[in-house]
PDB file of N, CA and C in Angstrom:
ATOM      1  N   ALA A   1     135.110   7.629  52.597  1.00  0.00           N
ATOM      2  CA  ALA A   1     136.117   8.538  53.301  1.00  0.00           C
ATOM      3  C   ALA A   1     136.554   7.778  54.525  1.00  0.00           C
ATOM      4  N   HIS A   2     137.885   8.310  54.894  1.00  0.00           N
ATOM      5  CA  HIS A   2     138.376   7.545  55.966  1.00  0.00           C
ATOM      6  C   HIS A   2     138.243   8.573  56.973  1.00  0.00           C
ATOM      7  N   TYR A   3     138.521   8.594  58.382  1.00  0.00           N
ATOM      8  CA  TYR A   3     138.242   9.481  59.597  1.00  0.00           C
ATOM      9  C   TYR A   3     139.134   9.054  60.674  1.00  0.00           C
ATOM     10  N   VAL A   4     140.038  10.064  61.155  1.00  0.00           N
ATOM     11  CA  VAL A   4     140.730   9.508  62.383  1.00  0.00           C
ATOM     12  C   VAL A   4     140.307  11.088  63.414  1.00  0.00           C
ATOM     13  N   TRP A   5     140.080  10.476  64.293  1.00  0.00           N
ATOM     14  CA  TRP A   5     139.438  11.455  65.492  1.00  0.00           C
ATOM     15  C   TRP A   5     140.378  11.606  66.533  1.00  0.00           C
ATOM     16  N   VAL A   6     140.950  12.467  66.924  1.00  0.00           N
ATOM     17  CA  VAL A   6     141.892  12.618  68.031  1.00  0.00           C
ATOM     18  C   VAL A   6     141.284  13.652  68.908  1.00  0.00           C
ATOM     19  N   TRP A   7     141.399  13.396  69.925  1.00  0.00           N
ATOM     20  CA  TRP A   7     141.219  13.997  71.358  1.00  0.00           C
ATOM     21  C   TRP A   7     142.030  14.395  71.905  1.00  0.00           C
ATOM     22  N   ALA A   8     142.154  15.821  72.426  1.00  0.00           N
ATOM     23  CA  ALA A   8     143.022  16.591  72.990  1.00  0.00           C
ATOM     24  C   ALA A   8     142.769  17.022  74.674  1.00  0.00           C
ATOM     25  N   LYS A   9     143.640  17.114  75.661  1.00  0.00           N
ATOM     26  CA  LYS A   9     143.214  17.379  76.821  1.00  0.00           C
ATOM     27  C   LYS A   9     142.845  18.895  77.008  1.00  0.00           C
ATOM     28  N   THR A  10     143.519  19.569  76.086  1.00  0.00           N
ATOM     29  CA  THR A  10     143.611  21.050  75.998  1.00  0.00           C
ATOM     30  C   THR A  10     142.744  21.342  74.887  1.00  0.00           C
ATOM     31  N   LYS A  11     141.748  22.695  74.899  1.00  0.00           N
ATOM     32  CA  LYS A  11     140.919  23.152  73.875  1.00  0.00           C
ATOM     33  C   LYS A  11     141.936  23.438  72.565  1.00  0.00           C
ATOM     34  N   SER A  12     143.014  24.100  72.730  1.00  0.00           N
ATOM     35  CA  SER A  12     143.821  24.620  71.483  1.00  0.00           C
ATOM     36  C   SER A  12     144.860  23.718  71.348  1.00  0.00           C
ATOM     37  N   LEU A  13     144.961  22.969  69.987  1.00  0.00           N
ATOM     38  CA  LEU A  13     146.252  22.550  69.478  1.00  0.00           C
ATOM     39  C   LEU A  13     147.235  23.305  68.779  1.00  0.00           C
ATOM     40  N   SER A  14     148.242  23.668  69.373  1.00  0.00           N
ATOM     41  CA  SER A  14     149.391  24.467  68.658  1.00  0.00           C
ATOM     42  C   SER A  14     150.021  23.713  67.780  1.00  0.00           C
ATOM     43  N   ARG A  15     151.009  24.164  66.911  1.00  0.00           N
ATOM     44  CA  ARG A  15     151.490  23.657  65.786  1.00  0.00           C
ATOM     45  C   ARG A  15     152.509  22.515  66.328  1.00  0.00           C
ATOM     46  N   HIS A  16     153.142  22.858  67.391  1.00  0.00           N
ATOM     47  CA  HIS A  16     153.604  21.760  68.205  1.00  0.00           C
ATOM     48  C   HIS A  16     153.092  20.405  68.592  1.00  0.00           C
ATOM     49  N   ASN A  17     151.787  20.900  68.915  1.00  0.00           N
ATOM     50  CA  ASN A  17     151.187  19.611  69.713  1.00  0.00           C
ATOM     51  C   ASN A  17     150.774  18.787  68.291  1.00  0.00           C
ATOM     52  N   TRP A  18     150.315  19.349  67.584  1.00  0.00           N
ATOM     53  CA  TRP A  18     150.081  19.000  66.293  1.00  0.00           C
ATOM     54  C   TRP A  18     151.260  18.083  65.476  1.00  0.00           C
ATOM     55  N   SER A  19     151.979  18.299  65.473  1.00  0.00           N
ATOM     56  CA  SER A  19     153.052  17.560  65.237  1.00  0.00           C
ATOM     57  C   SER A  19     153.504  16.212  66.116  1.00  0.00           C
ATOM     58  N   ARG A  20     153.145  16.373  67.233  1.00  0.00           N
ATOM     59  CA  ARG A  20     153.265  15.514  68.056  1.00  0.00           C
ATOM     60  C   ARG A  20     152.169  14.498  67.866  1.00  0.00           C
ATOM     61  N   VAL A  21     150.922  15.089  67.985  1.00  0.00           N
ATOM     62  CA  VAL A  21     149.644  14.077  67.535  1.00  0.00           C
ATOM     63  C   VAL A  21     149.984  13.278  66.056  1.00  0.00           C
ATOM     64  N   ALA A  22     150.536  13.806  65.122  1.00  0.00           N
ATOM     65  CA  ALA A  22     151.097  13.298  63.840  1.00  0.00           C
ATOM     66  C   ALA A  22     151.803  12.255  64.171  1.00  0.00           C
ATOM     67  N   GLN A  23     152.806  12.580  64.720  1.00  0.00           N
ATOM     68  CA  GLN A  23     154.106  11.577  65.186  1.00  0.00           C
ATOM     69  C   GLN A  23     153.305  10.053  65.745  1.00  0.00           C
ATOM     70  N   VAL A  24     152.397  10.354  66.625  1.00  0.00           N
ATOM     71  CA  VAL A  24     151.763   9.215  67.675  1.00  0.00           C
ATOM     72  C   VAL A  24     150.669   8.369  66.495  1.00  0.00           C
ATOM     73  N   VAL A  25     150.149   9.271  65.694  1.00  0.00           N
ATOM     74  CA  VAL A  25     149.466   8.276  64.684  1.00  0.00           C
ATOM     75  C   VAL A  25     150.143   7.731  63.899  1.00  0.00           C
ATOM     76  N   ASP A  26     150.965   8.512  63.389  1.00  0.00           N
ATOM     77  CA  ASP A  26     151.905   7.360  62.598  1.00  0.00           C
ATOM     78  C   ASP A  26     152.654   6.420  63.494  1.00  0.00           C
ATOM     79  N   GLU A  27     153.050   6.549  64.582  1.00  0.00           N
ATOM     80  CA  GLU A  27     153.668   5.375  65.020  1.00  0.00           C
ATOM     81  C   GLU A  27     152.673   4.320  65.424  1.00  0.00           C
ATOM     82  N   LYS A  28     151.404   4.602  66.025  1.00  0.00           N
ATOM     83  CA  LYS A  28     150.546   3.450  66.450  1.00  0.00           C
ATOM     84  C   LYS A  28     149.654   3.140  65.585  1.00  0.00           C
ATOM     85  N   LEU A  29     149.376   3.638  64.473  1.00  0.00           N
ATOM     86  CA  LEU A  29     148.449   3.353  63.334  1.00  0.00           C
ATOM     87  C   LEU A  29     148.851   3.271  61.921  1.00  0.00           C
ATOM     88  N   ASN A  30     150.158   3.622  62.057  1.00  0.00           N
ATOM     89  CA  ASN A  30     150.793   3.632  60.705  1.00  0.00           C
ATOM     90  C   ASN A  30     150.197   4.469  59.680  1.00  0.00           C
ATOM     91  N   LEU A  31     149.516   5.692  60.043  1.00  0.00           N
ATOM     92  CA  LEU A  31     148.926   6.401  59.116  1.00  0.00           C
ATOM     93  C   LEU A  31     149.428   8.022  59.147  1.00  0.00           C
ATOM     94  N   ARG A  32     149.573   8.604  57.729  1.00  0.00           N
ATOM     95  CA  ARG A  32     150.399  10.009  57.969  1.00  0.00           C
ATOM     96  C   ARG A  32     149.106  10.723  57.570  1.00  0.00           C
ATOM     97  N   LEU A  33     149.205  11.711  58.740  1.00  0.00           N
ATOM     98  CA  LEU A  33     147.933  12.568  59.057  1.00  0.00           C
ATOM     99  C   LEU A  33     148.078  14.013  57.295  1.00  0.00           C
ATOM    100  N   GLU A  34     149.336  13.756  56.808  1.00  0.00           N
ATOM    101  CA  GLU A  34     148.980  14.836  55.597  1.00  0.00           C
ATOM    102  C   GLU A  34     148.553  14.076  54.641  1.00  0.00           C
ATOM    103  N   ASP A  35     148.066  12.994  54.676  1.00  0.00           N
ATOM    104  CA  ASP A  35     147.351  12.214  53.447  1.00  0.00           C
ATOM    105  C   ASP A  35     145.752  12.721  53.428  1.00  0.00           C
ATOM    106  N   PHE A  36     145.457  13.100  54.936  1.00  0.00           N
ATOM    107  CA  PHE A  36     143.986  13.256  54.826  1.00  0.00           C
ATOM    108  C   PHE A  36     143.577  14.686  54.415  1.00  0.00           C
ATOM    109  N   LYS A  37     142.504  15.083  53.976  1.00  0.00           N
ATOM    110  CA  LYS A  37     142.138  16.331  52.856  1.00  0.00           C
ATOM    111  C   LYS A  37     141.664  17.294  53.871  1.00  0.00           C
ATOM    112  N   ALA A  38     141.349  17.097  55.028  1.00  0.00           N
ATOM    113  CA  ALA A  38     140.958  17.999  55.819  1.00  0.00           C
ATOM    114  C   ALA A  38     140.806  17.573  57.537  1.00  0.00           C
ATOM    115  N   VAL A  39     140.779  18.863  58.276  1.00  0.00           N
ATOM    116  CA  VAL A  39     140.634  18.826  59.552  1.00  0.00           C
ATOM    117  C   VAL A  39     139.558  19.073  60.298  1.00  0.00           C
ATOM    118  N   ASP A  40     138.817  18.723  60.879  1.00  0.00           N
ATOM    119  CA  ASP A  40     137.473  19.476  61.241  1.00  0.00           C
ATOM    120  C   ASP A  40     137.461  19.122  63.063  1.00  0.00           C
ATOM    121  N   PHE A  41     137.981  20.277  63.912  1.00  0.00           N
ATOM    122  CA  PHE A  41     137.689  20.313  65.055  1.00  0.00           C
ATOM    123  C   PHE A  41     136.595  20.468  65.895  1.00  0.00           C
ATOM    124  N   ASN A  42     135.365  20.124  64.794  1.00  0.00           N
ATOM    125  CA  ASN A  42     134.254  20.568  65.545  1.00  0.00           C
ATOM    126  C   ASN A  42     133.239  19.547  64.971  1.00  0.00           C
ATOM    127  N   ASN A  43     133.582  18.361  64.651  1.00  0.00           N
ATOM    128  CA  ASN A  43     132.615  17.475  64.096  1.00  0.00           C
ATOM    129  C   ASN A  43     133.047  16.092  64.925  1.00  0.00           C
ATOM    130  N   CYS A  44     133.389  15.967  65.969  1.00  0.00           N
ATOM    131  CA  CYS A  44     134.020  15.080  66.716  1.00  0.00           C
ATOM    132  C   CYS A  44     132.650  13.951  67.057  1.00  0.00           C
ATOM    133  N   PRO A  45     132.924  12.778  67.321  1.00  0.00           N
ATOM    134  CA  PRO A  45     132.247  12.068  68.251  1.00  0.00           C
ATOM    135  C   PRO A  45     131.879  12.270  69.656  1.00  0.00           C
ATOM    136  N   PRO A  46     131.108  11.708  70.562  1.00  0.00           N
ATOM    137  CA  PRO A  46     131.479  12.162  72.373  1.00  0.00           C
ATOM    138  C   PRO A  46     132.657  11.227  72.471  1.00  0.00           C
ATOM    139  N   ARG A  47     133.506  11.878  73.195  1.00  0.00           N
ATOM    140  CA  ARG A  47     134.759  11.261  73.709  1.00  0.00           C
ATOM    141  C   ARG A  47     134.299   9.766  74.375  1.00  0.00           C
ATOM    142  N   ARG A  48     135.046   8.776  74.320  1.00  0.00           N
ATOM    143  CA  ARG A  48     135.243   7.568  75.273  1.00  0.00           C
ATOM    144  C   ARG A  48     136.145   7.316  75.538  1.00  0.00           C
ATOM    145  N   ASP A  49     136.507   6.608  77.020  1.00  0.00           N
ATOM    146  CA  ASP A  49     138.022   6.644  77.239  1.00  0.00           C
ATOM    147  C   ASP A  49     138.290   5.144  76.857  1.00  0.00           C
ATOM    148  N   TYR A  50     139.243   5.292  76.073  1.00  0.00           N
ATOM    149  CA  TYR A  50     139.855   4.105  75.485  1.00  0.00           C
ATOM    150  C   TYR A  50     141.490   3.836  75.893  1.00  0.00           C
ATOM    151  N   PRO A  51     141.534   2.623  76.048  1.00  0.00           N
ATOM    152  CA  PRO A  51     143.208   2.316  76.695  1.00  0.00           C
ATOM    153  C   PRO A  51     143.782   2.720  75.540  1.00  0.00           C
ATOM    154  N   ASN A  52     145.356   3.050  76.143  1.00  0.00           N
ATOM    155  CA  ASN A  52     146.130   3.730  75.029  1.00  0.00           C
ATOM    156  C   ASN A  52     146.644   2.546  74.070  1.00  0.00           C
TER     157      ASN A  52
END
């Protein structure tokens, strides 16, 4: 299985924000979020500060 973790600065991701996340992931990583089977907001590893 493949996982992509996305950290948001806000607690809630609105539908609008999620489409932006999908766009950035597509641009930077060439991945389509719709190809992933599930989204789990509660099972992320601890956040580390990575450069953009």
